[in-house]
Each structure stands twice: as C-alpha cells, then as structure tokens.
Amino acid sequence: MDMPKRYRGVVRGGVVVLEPDAQLREGAEVEVIERATAFQPDWDAAWRTVGIARDREGRTDVSERVDEYLAEAYGNRD
C-alpha cells in the first residue's frame, strides 16, 4: 500500500484550493484536517469602529489609550 501524499491548501469561497503542484487522480478520496493557525485580529475593522459614537457636544469616544484598549479587547496577542 502506498503512503498517502500530503498537500496543503486554503479555503476560498467555501472551496479547498490546493497548492499548485498537487496532482490528485479523478475520484480520489481525500481527508481534510484544519490546521491550527495563530490568531490574527482584524485591526482595520477595529479601527473603523473606533470613534463612531459622539456625545451631545460632538466629541467622539476616541481615547489617548485606544491602542491599549484594542489590544486588551483582542487578548493582547501580537
């Protein structure tokens, strides 16, 4: 029995896209195992939400310590 070959890929639009050199025969049975990845916060989305609220005087909720607050909210993961 041949050893199973291992290929890497990513999910795009709900479809597993394998690395370019992956060659599978038509009808091959495969098993997909999700690999653990490091947490990566979406900082652009976080920054878009900062400062959207305004009080009666027109001031935003932006603080001088906003970076600290965002890091705390995302678990202080670098």
N, C-alpha and C. Protein backbone atom coordinates (compact mmCIF):
# COMPACT_ATOMS: atom_id res chain seq x y z
N MET A 1 0.84 -1.19 0.00
CA MET A 1 0.00 0.00 0.00
C MET A 1 0.88 1.24 0.00
N ASP A 2 0.59 2.17 -0.87
CA ASP A 2 1.37 3.41 -0.96
C ASP A 2 1.05 4.32 0.23
N MET A 3 2.07 5.07 0.63
CA MET A 3 1.87 6.08 1.68
C MET A 3 1.02 7.20 1.12
N PRO A 4 0.08 7.71 1.92
CA PRO A 4 -0.74 8.82 1.41
C PRO A 4 0.13 10.06 1.20
N LYS A 5 -0.17 10.79 0.15
CA LYS A 5 0.55 12.04 -0.11
C LYS A 5 -0.14 13.15 0.66
N ARG A 6 0.64 14.13 1.05
CA ARG A 6 0.10 15.28 1.79
C ARG A 6 0.24 16.53 0.94
N TYR A 7 -0.85 17.27 0.88
CA TYR A 7 -0.87 18.54 0.14
C TYR A 7 -1.40 19.61 1.07
N ARG A 8 -1.03 20.81 0.81
CA ARG A 8 -1.56 21.94 1.58
C ARG A 8 -2.48 22.76 0.68
N GLY A 9 -3.37 23.48 1.33
CA GLY A 9 -4.28 24.34 0.59
C GLY A 9 -4.93 25.34 1.52
N VAL A 10 -5.79 26.16 0.98
CA VAL A 10 -6.54 27.14 1.75
C VAL A 10 -7.99 27.10 1.28
N VAL A 11 -8.88 27.58 2.13
CA VAL A 11 -10.30 27.64 1.77
C VAL A 11 -10.59 29.02 1.20
N ARG A 12 -11.17 29.04 0.02
CA ARG A 12 -11.57 30.29 -0.62
C ARG A 12 -12.99 30.11 -1.13
N GLY A 13 -13.90 30.91 -0.59
CA GLY A 13 -15.29 30.82 -1.02
C GLY A 13 -15.91 29.47 -0.71
N GLY A 14 -15.47 28.83 0.38
CA GLY A 14 -16.02 27.54 0.77
C GLY A 14 -15.45 26.35 0.02
N VAL A 15 -14.41 26.57 -0.79
CA VAL A 15 -13.79 25.51 -1.58
C VAL A 15 -12.33 25.39 -1.18
N VAL A 16 -11.85 24.17 -0.99
CA VAL A 16 -10.44 23.95 -0.67
C VAL A 16 -9.64 24.09 -1.96
N VAL A 17 -8.71 25.04 -1.97
CA VAL A 17 -7.84 25.26 -3.12
C VAL A 17 -6.47 24.72 -2.73
N LEU A 18 -6.03 23.65 -3.41
CA LEU A 18 -4.76 23.03 -3.08
C LEU A 18 -3.59 23.77 -3.69
N GLU A 19 -2.40 23.49 -3.15
CA GLU A 19 -1.18 24.10 -3.67
C GLU A 19 -1.05 23.75 -5.16
N PRO A 20 -0.37 24.60 -5.92
CA PRO A 20 -0.34 24.44 -7.38
C PRO A 20 0.20 23.09 -7.88
N ASP A 21 1.13 22.48 -7.17
CA ASP A 21 1.71 21.22 -7.68
C ASP A 21 0.95 19.98 -7.22
N ALA A 22 -0.19 20.13 -6.58
CA ALA A 22 -0.98 18.98 -6.13
C ALA A 22 -1.59 18.28 -7.34
N GLN A 23 -1.38 16.99 -7.40
CA GLN A 23 -1.91 16.20 -8.52
C GLN A 23 -2.69 15.03 -7.94
N LEU A 24 -3.99 15.14 -7.96
CA LEU A 24 -4.87 14.08 -7.46
C LEU A 24 -5.60 13.46 -8.64
N ARG A 25 -5.74 12.15 -8.59
CA ARG A 25 -6.48 11.48 -9.67
C ARG A 25 -7.97 11.72 -9.49
N GLU A 26 -8.70 11.75 -10.57
CA GLU A 26 -10.14 11.94 -10.52
C GLU A 26 -10.77 10.84 -9.67
N GLY A 27 -11.63 11.23 -8.76
CA GLY A 27 -12.31 10.28 -7.89
C GLY A 27 -11.52 9.89 -6.65
N ALA A 28 -10.35 10.50 -6.45
CA ALA A 28 -9.54 10.17 -5.28
C ALA A 28 -10.29 10.57 -4.01
N GLU A 29 -10.24 9.71 -3.01
CA GLU A 29 -10.82 10.05 -1.72
C GLU A 29 -9.79 10.85 -0.93
N VAL A 30 -10.25 11.91 -0.31
CA VAL A 30 -9.34 12.77 0.44
C VAL A 30 -9.90 13.01 1.84
N GLU A 31 -9.03 13.44 2.73
CA GLU A 31 -9.41 13.81 4.09
C GLU A 31 -8.85 15.20 4.34
N VAL A 32 -9.68 16.09 4.84
CA VAL A 32 -9.25 17.46 5.11
C VAL A 32 -9.19 17.65 6.62
N ILE A 33 -8.04 18.11 7.11
CA ILE A 33 -7.86 18.38 8.53
C ILE A 33 -7.46 19.85 8.65
N GLU A 34 -8.25 20.61 9.40
CA GLU A 34 -7.93 22.03 9.57
C GLU A 34 -6.75 22.16 10.51
N ARG A 35 -5.78 22.94 10.09
CA ARG A 35 -4.59 23.18 10.92
C ARG A 35 -4.85 24.37 11.82
N ALA A 36 -4.32 24.31 13.02
CA ALA A 36 -4.44 25.44 13.94
C ALA A 36 -3.59 26.58 13.41
N THR A 37 -4.16 27.78 13.42
CA THR A 37 -3.42 28.95 12.96
C THR A 37 -3.36 29.97 14.09
N ALA A 38 -2.37 30.80 14.04
CA ALA A 38 -2.23 31.85 15.05
C ALA A 38 -3.35 32.87 14.88
N PHE A 39 -3.83 33.36 16.00
CA PHE A 39 -4.88 34.37 16.00
C PHE A 39 -4.36 35.64 15.35
N GLN A 40 -5.13 36.20 14.43
CA GLN A 40 -4.76 37.45 13.78
C GLN A 40 -5.97 38.38 13.79
N PRO A 41 -5.96 39.36 14.69
CA PRO A 41 -7.11 40.27 14.75
C PRO A 41 -7.22 41.10 13.48
N ASP A 42 -8.43 41.50 13.17
CA ASP A 42 -8.70 42.36 12.02
C ASP A 42 -8.61 43.81 12.50
N TRP A 43 -7.39 44.35 12.50
CA TRP A 43 -7.17 45.70 13.04
C TRP A 43 -7.88 46.76 12.21
N ASP A 44 -8.01 46.57 10.90
CA ASP A 44 -8.72 47.55 10.08
C ASP A 44 -10.17 47.67 10.53
N ALA A 45 -10.82 46.55 10.77
CA ALA A 45 -12.21 46.57 11.23
C ALA A 45 -12.30 47.21 12.61
N ALA A 46 -11.34 46.92 13.47
CA ALA A 46 -11.36 47.51 14.81
C ALA A 46 -11.23 49.02 14.73
N TRP A 47 -10.30 49.51 13.90
CA TRP A 47 -10.12 50.95 13.79
C TRP A 47 -11.34 51.64 13.18
N ARG A 48 -12.05 50.95 12.28
CA ARG A 48 -13.25 51.55 11.69
C ARG A 48 -14.34 51.78 12.72
N THR A 49 -14.34 50.97 13.78
CA THR A 49 -15.38 51.12 14.80
C THR A 49 -15.00 52.12 15.88
N VAL A 50 -13.73 52.46 15.98
CA VAL A 50 -13.29 53.42 16.99
C VAL A 50 -13.72 54.82 16.58
N GLY A 51 -14.33 55.52 17.49
CA GLY A 51 -14.69 56.91 17.22
C GLY A 51 -16.00 57.11 16.51
N ILE A 52 -16.82 56.08 16.35
CA ILE A 52 -18.07 56.27 15.63
C ILE A 52 -19.16 56.87 16.50
N ALA A 53 -19.04 56.72 17.83
CA ALA A 53 -20.05 57.29 18.72
C ALA A 53 -19.68 58.74 19.07
N ARG A 54 -20.67 59.60 19.14
CA ARG A 54 -20.42 61.00 19.50
C ARG A 54 -21.38 61.39 20.61
N ASP A 55 -20.87 62.23 21.52
CA ASP A 55 -21.75 62.71 22.59
C ASP A 55 -22.48 63.97 22.12
N ARG A 56 -23.22 64.62 23.01
CA ARG A 56 -24.02 65.80 22.63
C ARG A 56 -23.18 66.97 22.14
N GLU A 57 -21.94 67.04 22.60
CA GLU A 57 -21.04 68.12 22.17
C GLU A 57 -20.28 67.75 20.89
N GLY A 58 -20.54 66.59 20.33
CA GLY A 58 -19.88 66.19 19.10
C GLY A 58 -18.55 65.51 19.29
N ARG A 59 -18.18 65.23 20.54
CA ARG A 59 -16.91 64.55 20.78
C ARG A 59 -17.08 63.05 20.52
N THR A 60 -16.01 62.45 20.02
CA THR A 60 -16.04 61.00 19.79
C THR A 60 -15.59 60.27 21.04
N ASP A 61 -15.67 58.96 20.99
CA ASP A 61 -15.24 58.14 22.11
C ASP A 61 -13.76 57.75 22.01
N VAL A 62 -13.03 58.39 21.10
CA VAL A 62 -11.62 58.07 20.93
C VAL A 62 -10.84 58.51 22.16
N SER A 63 -9.99 57.65 22.61
CA SER A 63 -9.19 57.92 23.79
C SER A 63 -7.72 57.97 23.41
N GLU A 64 -6.93 58.59 24.26
CA GLU A 64 -5.49 58.61 24.04
C GLU A 64 -4.91 57.21 24.20
N ARG A 65 -5.62 56.32 24.87
CA ARG A 65 -5.13 54.97 25.12
C ARG A 65 -5.85 53.93 24.25
N VAL A 66 -6.32 54.34 23.09
CA VAL A 66 -7.11 53.44 22.24
C VAL A 66 -6.33 52.19 21.85
N ASP A 67 -5.02 52.30 21.60
CA ASP A 67 -4.22 51.12 21.26
C ASP A 67 -4.25 50.10 22.38
N GLU A 68 -4.16 50.58 23.62
CA GLU A 68 -4.19 49.68 24.77
C GLU A 68 -5.55 48.99 24.87
N TYR A 69 -6.62 49.75 24.65
CA TYR A 69 -7.96 49.17 24.73
C TYR A 69 -8.17 48.09 23.66
N LEU A 70 -7.73 48.37 22.43
CA LEU A 70 -7.89 47.40 21.36
C LEU A 70 -7.07 46.14 21.62
N ALA A 71 -5.85 46.33 22.10
CA ALA A 71 -5.01 45.17 22.41
C ALA A 71 -5.65 44.33 23.50
N GLU A 72 -6.23 44.97 24.50
CA GLU A 72 -6.91 44.25 25.57
C GLU A 72 -8.15 43.53 25.04
N ALA A 73 -8.90 44.18 24.18
CA ALA A 73 -10.11 43.58 23.62
C ALA A 73 -9.78 42.36 22.76
N TYR A 74 -8.63 42.37 22.09
CA TYR A 74 -8.23 41.25 21.26
C TYR A 74 -7.28 40.31 21.99
N GLY A 75 -7.26 40.37 23.28
CA GLY A 75 -6.46 39.43 24.05
C GLY A 75 -4.98 39.72 24.08
N ASN A 76 -4.58 40.95 23.72
CA ASN A 76 -3.19 41.37 23.77
C ASN A 76 -2.29 40.40 23.02
N ARG A 77 -2.73 39.94 21.86
CA ARG A 77 -1.95 38.99 21.07
C ARG A 77 -1.24 39.75 19.97
N ASP A 78 0.05 39.57 19.89
CA ASP A 78 0.85 40.24 18.86
C ASP A 78 1.14 39.31 17.72
